Each structure stands twice: as C-alpha cells, then as structure tokens.
Amino acid sequence: MEKLLKWSLQSQNPETAADANRIEPDPKMLAQLFGGADDPTLMREAMAVICNPDADLSSKVIAFDNFEMLIENIDNANNIGVLQLWKPLLSQLESPEAELRKMASWVIGTAVQNNPKAQEQLANDEKGAIEQLLAIVKTDTDHASALKAFYALGSAVRNCPAAYNQFEAANGWSTLRDLIDPNSQKEIAATTRHRALNVLSAVLETEPIVEKLKRFTESGIVTALYALLESDKQQHHYQTVDKALHVVHYLAQEKFELDPARVKAALENISEIEGITDNEDHQFLAANY
C-alpha cells in the first residue's frame, strides 16, 4: 500500500509525473484501494455465472462477454490454467445452447491466439479440446458456432506441436479434406470452406513442415484443393478462392510437387472473378505454371 501511495503522490506532482507514468501500479493494490475485485476474481465470478444452471441465457452471454474482455489481456489468458478454468470453459462447447458454444470457442480462440503459454495449457492439460473443436466444425448445425470453432482451432494448432499432435490423432486432416472438397456429399457453405482453408494454412505452416506436407499428400487434400479451384460452386466467393490460391502458392514455395496441368486449369477457371488476376498469389502461380 505504501508503494501505491507513493505512485499516487508522484503522479499528481508535475515534476515527478513522468517517473510515475513509467511505473505500473499493481492491479490488485488498485482493486484493494478502490474497493473493486481484481481480474482473477472477476474471471472466477464470470465463469461461475456461465456454469450456473439457474442463470438465464442472457446473463451467461453477458458473463462470457466480460470473460472474453478480461482474457484479451495475455496475463489473464495465461491465468485460465492457474485458476483451473479450462475445464469449465471447455464444458460449454457441449452446451445445448448454440450461443454458449459459440462464445466458448470465441474465448478459447482469443486466449490462445499468438500465446504459446496458453496454447500449451490447452493442449497439455485439456487433451480433449482439439477433438471437441473438430467435432463442432464437422457436425454443429449452428453456422455461427462452427465458424468460431474454426477460429479457436486455427489459433490453437498454429505453431503448437502438442496441439497439432491432437489434431492429427483426431483425424483432423480428413475432416479438413471433407470440408474443402466441393464434391463432398454434404452441402457446405462457402464461408465454412474459407475457414477450413484458414485452419489448413495454420497447420501447414507449423514446423516441421516436411512432416505436414507428407500428411497433406496422404490425406488427399491436394486433390480436394484442385477440385475446389476448378469448381463453379466457388465462382462468386472471392475470399474462399483467395485463400485457396494462398495455400497453393505456399505449397509451391515449399517445393511441394504440384500438378502443373491442374494448377493451370484452376487459374483459367477462376480468371473471370473480379480482381482475382491482380491477386499476388494468382500472379505468382500464373508466372510459374
């Protein structure tokens, strides 16, 4: 408390304010001074509401919003494991309420995005998490919930070997293939394919890359990728085509053995999409195939 008082006095004095601004006060001390709860307490309280069977949906959504805002702070995201909140958070992926499934995926994605410590917590401490997310992107009938699960999945596996191992063990490659393939028996929205391509990109760019390219070949995704670019179904969804081109460009740069005839056929098929020939990935492929 003495340090906090010193900081307060310094910040009010013009001659010492600059020094005070370089010193961040302890959030717990600030909470104590102003009578508010610190962030870990707020995180616990929000999760208690989310998991309370007597709380109404509106209250749970508000609690999820508050939790998500808290874990945008990387220290708070890393505290999810310390506070043992991963398990109750992941339980919401199985909620009968689509809105809660969506919010759970959103929070997971925010917590682990560009955050190796939280990624490791999720992968090592909660070994079923990646499988749960894959199940949602495959079978969830709520489109918004599935899209957020793609976000969480891509953020979790990118540059995280432990999460990738779970992805592979849970047949993640075949899941992505079926979602990308335009000849899949299931009707798949263009936005779903776009998100599946985002996850594919995250997986392919995770070291060791040679191993990922081998699994990519074995899974048959390359055939699905060609078929996607050759299909008329994607003609009017620029983002999907753009991401597919990015993946093919990446494969070429990594010396993956592409089929020149199929690359050329794909480029011809999409050439009439407005703006696509100005695309950097398209220009690279057109110049080399």
Foldseek 3Di string as FASTA:
>chain_A
DVVVVVLVVQCVDPVRVVVSVVDDDDQCVVCVVVVHDGLVVLLVVLLCLLPDPPHDPVSNLVSLVVNLVSLLPQVSLLCCVVSVPPVSLLVQCPDPDLSSLLSSLQSLLSSQAVRQNSLCCCLPVVVCRLLSLLCCLQDPPDPSSNLSSLSNNLSNQQQHVSSVVSCVVSVVLLSLLLQLAPPRPDDHDLSSNLSSLSSLVRNCNHPPNVVSLVVNVVNCSLVSLLNNLLDPVCQAPVSNNLSSLVVVLVCVVVVNDDDLVSLVNSLVNNVPRPPPCVRPSSVVSVVPD
